[in-house]
C-alpha atoms as a PDB file:
ATOM      1  CA  MET A   1      90.896  -1.212 129.916  1.00  0.00           C
ATOM      2  CA  ILE A   2      91.300  -3.502 127.338  1.00  0.00           C
ATOM      3  CA  LYS A   3      91.608  -7.206 128.202  1.00  0.00           C
ATOM      4  CA  PRO A   4      94.816  -8.763 128.099  1.00  0.00           C
ATOM      5  CA  GLU A   5      93.137 -12.010 127.055  1.00  0.00           C
ATOM      6  CA  LEU A   6      92.126  -9.828 123.795  1.00  0.00           C
ATOM      7  CA  LEU A   7      95.895  -9.105 123.755  1.00  0.00           C
ATOM      8  CA  HIS A   8      97.464 -12.118 124.173  1.00  0.00           C
ATOM      9  CA  GLY A   9      94.519 -13.694 121.343  1.00  0.00           C
ATOM     10  CA  LEU A  10      95.651 -11.380 118.994  1.00  0.00           C
ATOM     11  CA  PHE A  11      99.306 -11.810 119.391  1.00  0.00           C
ATOM     12  CA  THR A  12      98.865 -15.666 119.098  1.00  0.00           C
ATOM     13  CA  THR A  13      96.580 -15.224 115.896  1.00  0.00           C
ATOM     14  CA  ALA A  14      99.041 -12.896 114.377  1.00  0.00           C
ATOM     15  CA  MET A  15     101.861 -15.304 115.469  1.00  0.00           C
ATOM     16  CA  GLU A  16     100.445 -18.531 114.058  1.00  0.00           C
ATOM     17  CA  GLY A  17      98.856 -17.410 110.710  1.00  0.00           C
ATOM     18  CA  GLY A  18      98.591 -13.713 110.362  1.00  0.00           C
ATOM     19  CA  ILE A  19     102.644 -12.100 109.881  1.00  0.00           C
ATOM     20  CA  GLY A  20     103.899 -15.074 108.102  1.00  0.00           C
ATOM     21  CA  TYR A  21     104.210 -13.698 104.695  1.00  0.00           C
ATOM     22  CA  TRP A  22     106.423 -10.586 105.749  1.00  0.00           C
ATOM     23  CA  SER A  23     108.023 -12.032 108.618  1.00  0.00           C
ATOM     24  CA  SER A  24     110.045 -14.942 110.154  1.00  0.00           C
ATOM     25  CA  THR A  25     110.180 -16.027 113.898  1.00  0.00           C
ATOM     26  CA  ASN A  26     113.194 -16.080 115.865  1.00  0.00           C
ATOM     27  CA  LEU A  27     112.046 -16.504 119.392  1.00  0.00           C
ATOM     28  CA  TYR A  28     108.019 -17.073 120.366  1.00  0.00           C
ATOM     29  CA  HIS A  29     107.046 -17.106 124.130  1.00  0.00           C
ATOM     30  CA  TRP A  30     103.690 -18.625 124.866  1.00  0.00           C
ATOM     31  CA  MET A  31     102.353 -20.563 127.278  1.00  0.00           C
ATOM     32  CA  ASN A  32      98.374 -21.621 127.673  1.00  0.00           C
ATOM     33  CA  GLY A  33      96.862 -17.911 128.277  1.00  0.00           C
ATOM     34  CA  ASP A  34      97.225 -18.287 132.022  1.00  0.00           C
ATOM     35  CA  GLU A  35      97.792 -14.639 134.244  1.00  0.00           C
ATOM     36  CA  GLU A  36     101.595 -14.887 133.858  1.00  0.00           C
ATOM     37  CA  ASP A  37     101.205 -15.485 130.124  1.00  0.00           C
ATOM     38  CA  LEU A  38      98.939 -12.787 129.372  1.00  0.00           C
ATOM     39  CA  LYS A  39     101.429  -9.779 130.920  1.00  0.00           C
ATOM     40  CA  PHE A  40     104.883 -11.423 129.683  1.00  0.00           C
ATOM     41  CA  PHE A  41     103.782 -12.799 126.097  1.00  0.00           C
ATOM     42  CA  ALA A  42     106.262 -12.078 123.625  1.00  0.00           C
ATOM     43  CA  ALA A  43     108.232 -12.758 120.170  1.00  0.00           C
ATOM     44  CA  GLU A  44     110.892 -11.713 118.346  1.00  0.00           C
ATOM     45  CA  ILE A  45     110.566 -11.648 114.628  1.00  0.00           C
ATOM     46  CA  VAL A  46     112.796 -10.668 111.692  1.00  0.00           C
ATOM     47  CA  GLU A  47     111.389  -8.667 108.910  1.00  0.00           C
ATOM     48  CA  GLU A  48     111.886 -10.716 105.691  1.00  0.00           C
ATOM     49  CA  ASP A  49     112.207  -7.136 103.563  1.00  0.00           C
ATOM     50  CA  THR A  50     114.692  -5.275 105.314  1.00  0.00           C
ATOM     51  CA  GLU A  51     115.860  -8.299 108.115  1.00  0.00           C
ATOM     52  CA  ARG A  52     115.557  -5.891 111.050  1.00  0.00           C
ATOM     53  CA  VAL A  53     114.739  -8.003 114.468  1.00  0.00           C
ATOM     54  CA  ILE A  54     111.476  -6.611 115.504  1.00  0.00           C
ATOM     55  CA  ARG A  55     110.108  -7.471 119.386  1.00  0.00           C
ATOM     56  CA  ILE A  56     106.273  -8.170 119.726  1.00  0.00           C
ATOM     57  CA  ASP A  57     104.721  -7.726 122.991  1.00  0.00           C
ATOM     58  CA  LEU A  58     101.923  -6.801 124.835  1.00  0.00           C
ATOM     59  CA  ASN A  59     102.742  -3.235 124.266  1.00  0.00           C
ATOM     60  CA  ILE A  60     103.112  -3.483 120.768  1.00  0.00           C
ATOM     61  CA  ILE A  61      99.595  -5.301 120.326  1.00  0.00           C
ATOM     62  CA  GLU A  62      98.014  -2.484 122.433  1.00  0.00           C
ATOM     63  CA  LEU A  63      99.485  -0.171 120.774  1.00  0.00           C
ATOM     64  CA  GLY A  64      98.391  -1.626 117.282  1.00  0.00           C
ATOM     65  CA  LEU A  65      94.823  -1.878 118.307  1.00  0.00           C
ATOM     66  CA  ARG A  66      94.412   2.236 119.929  1.00  0.00           C
ATOM     67  CA  ARG A  67      95.591   2.706 116.047  1.00  0.00           C
ATOM     68  CA  ALA A  68      93.163   0.386 114.287  1.00  0.00           C
ATOM     69  CA  ILE A  69      90.217   1.733 116.384  1.00  0.00           C
ATOM     70  CA  ALA A  70      91.339   5.167 116.547  1.00  0.00           C
ATOM     71  CA  ASP A  71      92.180   5.297 112.539  1.00  0.00           C
ATOM     72  CA  HIS A  72      91.016   2.097 110.658  1.00  0.00           C
ATOM     73  CA  GLN A  73      87.395   1.142 111.992  1.00  0.00           C
ATOM     74  CA  ASP A  74      86.524   0.984 108.171  1.00  0.00           C
ATOM     75  CA  THR A  75      89.166  -2.032 107.449  1.00  0.00           C
ATOM     76  CA  LEU A  76      88.749  -4.397 110.888  1.00  0.00           C
ATOM     77  CA  ARG A  77      86.112  -6.920 110.464  1.00  0.00           C
ATOM     78  CA  TRP A  78      84.234  -6.032 113.128  1.00  0.00           C
ATOM     79  CA  SER A  79      81.089  -8.665 114.050  1.00  0.00           C
ATOM     80  CA  THR A  80      78.878  -5.390 114.846  1.00  0.00           C
ATOM     81  CA  GLU A  81      79.425  -1.826 114.859  1.00  0.00           C
ATOM     82  CA  PRO A  82      82.686  -0.736 115.997  1.00  0.00           C
ATOM     83  CA  PRO A  83      83.191  -1.259 119.361  1.00  0.00           C
ATOM     84  CA  GLU A  84      84.144   1.390 121.850  1.00  0.00           C
ATOM     85  CA  MET A  85      87.533   1.124 123.388  1.00  0.00           C
ATOM     86  CA  CYS A  86      86.937  -0.201 126.629  1.00  0.00           C
ATOM     87  CA  ARG A  87      83.556  -2.362 126.069  1.00  0.00           C
ATOM     88  CA  HIS A  88      82.606  -4.894 124.018  1.00  0.00           C
ATOM     89  CA  LEU A  89      86.110  -6.303 122.297  1.00  0.00           C
ATOM     90  CA  GLU A  90      85.857  -9.409 124.061  1.00  0.00           C
ATOM     91  CA  ASP A  91      83.175 -10.379 121.490  1.00  0.00           C
ATOM     92  CA  TRP A  92      85.121  -9.355 118.707  1.00  0.00           C
ATOM     93  CA  ASP A  93      85.299 -11.874 115.599  1.00  0.00           C
ATOM     94  CA  TYR A  94      89.088 -10.799 114.550  1.00  0.00           C
ATOM     95  CA  ASP A  95      90.825 -13.548 112.233  1.00  0.00           C
ATOM     96  CA  ALA A  96      94.661 -13.438 110.965  1.00  0.00           C
ATOM     97  CA  GLY A  97      94.288 -10.688 108.597  1.00  0.00           C
ATOM     98  CA  ASP A  98      93.164  -8.460 111.301  1.00  0.00           C
ATOM     99  CA  ALA A  99      95.962  -9.225 113.623  1.00  0.00           C
ATOM    100  CA  ASP A 100      98.268  -8.740 111.078  1.00  0.00           C
ATOM    101  CA  MET A 101      97.160  -5.227 110.478  1.00  0.00           C
ATOM    102  CA  ILE A 102      96.980  -4.653 114.352  1.00  0.00           C
ATOM    103  CA  VAL A 103     100.923  -5.936 114.653  1.00  0.00           C
ATOM    104  CA  GLN A 104     102.069  -3.942 111.693  1.00  0.00           C
ATOM    105  CA  LEU A 105      99.983  -0.749 113.463  1.00  0.00           C
ATOM    106  CA  GLY A 106     102.132  -1.295 116.775  1.00  0.00           C
ATOM    107  CA  ILE A 107     105.101  -2.003 114.930  1.00  0.00           C
ATOM    108  CA  PHE A 108     105.132   0.597 111.878  1.00  0.00           C
ATOM    109  CA  GLY A 109     102.514   3.187 112.537  1.00  0.00           C
ATOM    110  CA  GLU A 110     100.873   2.098 109.343  1.00  0.00           C
ATOM    111  CA  VAL A 111     100.090  -1.158 107.350  1.00  0.00           C
ATOM    112  CA  VAL A 112     102.970  -1.474 105.166  1.00  0.00           C
ATOM    113  CA  TYR A 113     102.568  -5.209 103.903  1.00  0.00           C
ATOM    114  CA  GLY A 114      99.329  -6.707 102.259  1.00  0.00           C
END
């Protein structure tokens, strides 16, 4: 199981720096990472090229991370060897570019921007 703290951190990193070059935010629910927020964080963004409204939540982040681990291990900045799905992810030193890629993989199934 992927820790909800990691998914929340990736979401926050994407919203506050990773995806701003291809989207704008309409709605952003984020608190302080308490237990409830770890389950119910969400954002509504607008893809600037298409003006499509997209919801980003825990499911999108988890899907994107699973796709990244399965198909894009060479692209992400792993701090050591690529981690196994259920272990060592909490030690991953990701950045805004990694979070952006995970959001795009979760939404589009591929990296469309950047």
